[in-house]
C-alpha atoms as a PDB file:
ATOM      1  CA  UNK A   1      -0.305  -0.003   0.274  1.00  0.00           C
ATOM      2  CA  UNK A   2       2.934   2.357   0.731  1.00  0.00           C
ATOM      3  CA  UNK A   3       4.220   1.554  -2.357  1.00  0.00           C
ATOM      4  CA  UNK A   4       1.104   2.474  -4.230  1.00  0.00           C
ATOM      5  CA  UNK A   5       1.413   5.857  -2.571  1.00  0.00           C
ATOM      6  CA  UNK A   6       5.174   6.512  -3.149  1.00  0.00           C
ATOM      7  CA  UNK A   7       4.873   5.530  -6.973  1.00  0.00           C
ATOM      8  CA  UNK A   8       1.294   7.337  -6.982  1.00  0.00           C
ATOM      9  CA  UNK A   9       3.179  10.501  -6.206  1.00  0.00           C
ATOM     10  CA  UNK A  10       6.100   9.262  -8.455  1.00  0.00           C
ATOM     11  CA  UNK A  11       3.194   9.309 -11.274  1.00  0.00           C
ATOM     12  CA  UNK A  12       2.351  12.941 -10.434  1.00  0.00           C
ATOM     13  CA  UNK A  13       5.824  13.967 -10.795  1.00  0.00           C
ATOM     14  CA  UNK A  14       6.575  12.487 -13.957  1.00  0.00           C
ATOM     15  CA  UNK A  15       3.656  14.529 -15.392  1.00  0.00           C
ATOM     16  CA  UNK A  16       4.385  17.884 -13.822  1.00  0.00           C
ATOM     17  CA  UNK A  17       8.112  17.043 -15.208  1.00  0.00           C
ATOM     18  CA  UNK A  18       6.865  16.413 -18.824  1.00  0.00           C
ATOM     19  CA  UNK A  19       4.924  19.929 -18.556  1.00  0.00           C
ATOM     20  CA  UNK A  20       8.358  21.514 -17.251  1.00  0.00           C
ATOM     21  CA  UNK A  21      10.082  19.665 -20.202  1.00  0.00           C
ATOM     22  CA  UNK A  22       8.423  22.337 -22.287  1.00  0.00           C
ATOM     23  CA  UNK A  23       9.098  25.254 -20.461  1.00  0.00           C
ATOM     24  CA  UNK A  24      12.829  24.389 -19.937  1.00  0.00           C
ATOM     25  CA  UNK A  25      14.730  27.045 -22.069  1.00  0.00           C
ATOM     26  CA  UNK A  26      12.499  29.776 -21.152  1.00  0.00           C
ATOM     27  CA  UNK A  27      12.899  28.980 -16.987  1.00  0.00           C
ATOM     28  CA  UNK A  28      16.526  28.749 -17.997  1.00  0.00           C
ATOM     29  CA  UNK A  29      16.426  32.105 -19.374  1.00  0.00           C
ATOM     30  CA  UNK A  30      14.289  33.283 -16.133  1.00  0.00           C
ATOM     31  CA  UNK A  31      17.058  31.864 -14.210  1.00  0.00           C
ATOM     32  CA  UNK A  32      19.837  33.085 -15.736  1.00  0.00           C
ATOM     33  CA  UNK A  33      18.298  36.554 -15.473  1.00  0.00           C
ATOM     34  CA  UNK A  34      17.787  36.153 -11.761  1.00  0.00           C
ATOM     35  CA  UNK A  35      21.619  35.324 -11.413  1.00  0.00           C
ATOM     36  CA  UNK A  36      22.302  38.733 -13.579  1.00  0.00           C
ATOM     37  CA  UNK A  37      20.475  40.382 -11.949  1.00  0.00           C
ATOM     38  CA  UNK A  38      21.782  39.840  -8.240  1.00  0.00           C
ATOM     39  CA  UNK A  39      25.368  40.444  -9.660  1.00  0.00           C
ATOM     40  CA  UNK A  40      24.278  43.965 -11.284  1.00  0.00           C
ATOM     41  CA  UNK A  41      21.871  45.080  -7.931  1.00  0.00           C
ATOM     42  CA  UNK A  42      23.418  43.331  -5.430  1.00  0.00           C
ATOM     43  CA  UNK A  43      20.325  41.734  -4.098  1.00  0.00           C
ATOM     44  CA  UNK A  44      18.076  38.924  -5.077  1.00  0.00           C
ATOM     45  CA  UNK A  45      14.904  40.206  -7.568  1.00  0.00           C
ATOM     46  CA  UNK A  46      11.612  39.929  -5.655  1.00  0.00           C
ATOM     47  CA  UNK A  47       7.921  38.958  -7.578  1.00  0.00           C
ATOM     48  CA  UNK A  48       7.129  42.738  -8.697  1.00  0.00           C
ATOM     49  CA  UNK A  49      11.068  42.454 -10.622  1.00  0.00           C
ATOM     50  CA  UNK A  50       9.823  39.732 -13.110  1.00  0.00           C
ATOM     51  CA  UNK A  51       7.590  39.613 -15.752  1.00  0.00           C
ATOM     52  CA  UNK A  52       4.234  38.732 -15.790  1.00  0.00           C
ATOM     53  CA  UNK A  53       3.774  34.869 -14.679  1.00  0.00           C
ATOM     54  CA  UNK A  54       7.831  34.292 -14.973  1.00  0.00           C
ATOM     55  CA  UNK A  55       8.107  34.510 -11.012  1.00  0.00           C
ATOM     56  CA  UNK A  56       6.019  31.647 -10.704  1.00  0.00           C
ATOM     57  CA  UNK A  57       7.252  29.504 -13.290  1.00  0.00           C
ATOM     58  CA  UNK A  58      10.473  29.945 -11.713  1.00  0.00           C
ATOM     59  CA  UNK A  59       9.563  29.080  -8.535  1.00  0.00           C
ATOM     60  CA  UNK A  60       7.717  26.395  -9.578  1.00  0.00           C
ATOM     61  CA  UNK A  61      10.350  24.892 -11.648  1.00  0.00           C
ATOM     62  CA  UNK A  62      12.323  25.015  -8.669  1.00  0.00           C
ATOM     63  CA  UNK A  63       9.667  23.409  -6.206  1.00  0.00           C
ATOM     64  CA  UNK A  64       9.272  21.151  -8.794  1.00  0.00           C
ATOM     65  CA  UNK A  65      13.177  20.049  -9.001  1.00  0.00           C
ATOM     66  CA  UNK A  66      13.725  19.863  -5.124  1.00  0.00           C
ATOM     67  CA  UNK A  67      10.298  17.820  -4.673  1.00  0.00           C
ATOM     68  CA  UNK A  68      11.846  15.183  -7.150  1.00  0.00           C
ATOM     69  CA  UNK A  69      15.343  14.900  -5.530  1.00  0.00           C
ATOM     70  CA  UNK A  70      13.581  14.151  -2.105  1.00  0.00           C
ATOM     71  CA  UNK A  71      11.440  11.517  -3.964  1.00  0.00           C
ATOM     72  CA  UNK A  72      14.523  10.198  -5.380  1.00  0.00           C
ATOM     73  CA  UNK A  73      15.900  10.124  -2.339  1.00  0.00           C
ATOM     74  CA  UNK A  74      13.005   8.307  -0.627  1.00  0.00           C
ATOM     75  CA  UNK A  75      13.294   5.835  -3.470  1.00  0.00           C
ATOM     76  CA  UNK A  76      16.785   4.737  -2.259  1.00  0.00           C
ATOM     77  CA  UNK A  77      14.461   2.607   0.262  1.00  0.00           C
ATOM     78  CA  UNK A  78      12.440   1.059  -2.073  1.00  0.00           C
ATOM     79  CA  UNK A  79      12.862  -2.274  -3.963  1.00  0.00           C
ATOM     80  CA  UNK A  80      14.256  -0.739  -6.814  1.00  0.00           C
ATOM     81  CA  UNK A  81      17.020   1.281  -4.725  1.00  0.00           C
ATOM     82  CA  UNK A  82      20.127   0.855  -7.372  1.00  0.00           C
ATOM     83  CA  UNK A  83      17.964   2.888 -10.201  1.00  0.00           C
ATOM     84  CA  UNK A  84      17.320   5.147  -7.827  1.00  0.00           C
ATOM     85  CA  UNK A  85      21.045   5.333  -6.194  1.00  0.00           C
ATOM     86  CA  UNK A  86      22.200   5.467 -10.366  1.00  0.00           C
ATOM     87  CA  UNK A  87      19.897   8.301 -10.978  1.00  0.00           C
ATOM     88  CA  UNK A  88      20.996  10.333  -7.988  1.00  0.00           C
ATOM     89  CA  UNK A  89      24.849   9.674  -9.093  1.00  0.00           C
ATOM     90  CA  UNK A  90      23.557  10.900 -12.481  1.00  0.00           C
ATOM     91  CA  UNK A  91      21.873  13.949 -11.311  1.00  0.00           C
ATOM     92  CA  UNK A  92      25.397  14.726  -9.174  1.00  0.00           C
ATOM     93  CA  UNK A  93      27.539  14.314 -12.270  1.00  0.00           C
ATOM     94  CA  UNK A  94      25.534  16.017 -14.885  1.00  0.00           C
ATOM     95  CA  UNK A  95      25.153  19.241 -12.454  1.00  0.00           C
ATOM     96  CA  UNK A  96      29.124  19.044 -11.751  1.00  0.00           C
ATOM     97  CA  UNK A  97      29.895  18.655 -15.446  1.00  0.00           C
ATOM     98  CA  UNK A  98      27.704  21.546 -16.143  1.00  0.00           C
ATOM     99  CA  UNK A  99      29.168  23.795 -13.637  1.00  0.00           C
ATOM    100  CA  UNK A 100      32.575  22.840 -14.873  1.00  0.00           C
ATOM    101  CA  UNK A 101      31.470  23.878 -18.373  1.00  0.00           C
ATOM    102  CA  UNK A 102      30.093  27.069 -17.229  1.00  0.00           C
ATOM    103  CA  UNK A 103      26.311  27.926 -16.472  1.00  0.00           C
ATOM    104  CA  UNK A 104      24.223  28.973 -19.317  1.00  0.00           C
ATOM    105  CA  UNK A 105      26.253  28.682 -22.309  1.00  0.00           C
ATOM    106  CA  UNK A 106      24.233  26.570 -24.816  1.00  0.00           C
ATOM    107  CA  UNK A 107      26.615  23.384 -24.063  1.00  0.00           C
ATOM    108  CA  UNK A 108      25.631  23.151 -20.872  1.00  0.00           C
ATOM    109  CA  UNK A 109      21.797  24.068 -21.059  1.00  0.00           C
ATOM    110  CA  UNK A 110      21.786  21.155 -23.616  1.00  0.00           C
ATOM    111  CA  UNK A 111      23.275  19.040 -21.096  1.00  0.00           C
ATOM    112  CA  UNK A 112      20.746  20.232 -18.461  1.00  0.00           C
ATOM    113  CA  UNK A 113      17.833  19.465 -20.686  1.00  0.00           C
ATOM    114  CA  UNK A 114      19.084  16.060 -21.540  1.00  0.00           C
ATOM    115  CA  UNK A 115      19.484  15.269 -18.390  1.00  0.00           C
ATOM    116  CA  UNK A 116      16.016  16.014 -17.229  1.00  0.00           C
ATOM    117  CA  UNK A 117      14.337  14.274 -20.399  1.00  0.00           C
ATOM    118  CA  UNK A 118      16.369  11.114 -19.221  1.00  0.00           C
ATOM    119  CA  UNK A 119      15.109  11.818 -15.082  1.00  0.00           C
ATOM    120  CA  UNK A 120      11.507  12.178 -16.427  1.00  0.00           C
ATOM    121  CA  UNK A 121      11.780   8.978 -18.334  1.00  0.00           C
ATOM    122  CA  UNK A 122      13.515   6.604 -16.057  1.00  0.00           C
ATOM    123  CA  UNK A 123      10.565   7.883 -13.497  1.00  0.00           C
ATOM    124  CA  UNK A 124       8.364   6.985 -15.927  1.00  0.00           C
ATOM    125  CA  UNK A 125       9.858   3.590 -16.180  1.00  0.00           C
ATOM    126  CA  UNK A 126       9.938   3.155 -12.788  1.00  0.00           C
ATOM    127  CA  UNK A 127       5.951   4.247 -12.326  1.00  0.00           C
ATOM    128  CA  UNK A 128       4.922   1.659 -15.495  1.00  0.00           C
ATOM    129  CA  UNK A 129       7.152  -1.235 -13.903  1.00  0.00           C
ATOM    130  CA  UNK A 130       5.771  -0.834 -10.284  1.00  0.00           C
ATOM    131  CA  UNK A 131       2.009  -0.436 -11.799  1.00  0.00           C
ATOM    132  CA  UNK A 132       2.023  -2.451 -14.714  1.00  0.00           C
ATOM    133  CA  UNK A 133       5.447  -4.353 -15.716  1.00  0.00           C
ATOM    134  CA  UNK A 134       6.726  -5.833 -12.283  1.00  0.00           C
ATOM    135  CA  UNK A 135      10.130  -6.842 -13.808  1.00  0.00           C
ATOM    136  CA  UNK A 136      12.555  -6.922 -11.086  1.00  0.00           C
ATOM    137  CA  UNK A 137      14.812  -4.199 -12.824  1.00  0.00           C
ATOM    138  CA  UNK A 138      18.003  -5.168 -10.560  1.00  0.00           C
ATOM    139  CA  UNK A 139      18.298  -8.589 -12.449  1.00  0.00           C
ATOM    140  CA  UNK A 140      17.878  -6.829 -15.612  1.00  0.00           C
ATOM    141  CA  UNK A 141      20.206  -4.058 -15.108  1.00  0.00           C
ATOM    142  CA  UNK A 142      22.877  -6.765 -13.706  1.00  0.00           C
ATOM    143  CA  UNK A 143      22.469  -8.900 -16.634  1.00  0.00           C
ATOM    144  CA  UNK A 144      23.146  -6.312 -18.777  1.00  0.00           C
ATOM    145  CA  UNK A 145      26.440  -5.018 -17.276  1.00  0.00           C
ATOM    146  CA  UNK A 146      27.812  -8.393 -16.313  1.00  0.00           C
END
């Protein structure tokens, strides 16, 4: 029963991530503007500094990414812990590579977009597997690696 609740939350996160994929580059430009605004003015922008609806998009994207990370972290306690640990490691590596390349350049933006696509896809696979496929993903991964 608890697994169904956990993966139902994952389904909501999956659908939300699909929606955010369509706005990724717009939200990334808002994030870049926010950082530049902070450098120029020395303060973080407030809601009135943003254009209409940009603030809400920016906040909801950050909130969704935080919820996704928390959901994946709690996924380490499930039967699919190996996939969640690989997913968290993948996120960490892509973020480190992206920061070493430099934030907000085209390669870094594309890398972050691909990361979001992969994470969204894996979350979708995990949710579908829990409700319908019931595959032992741990065995499948071990067979592919070995």
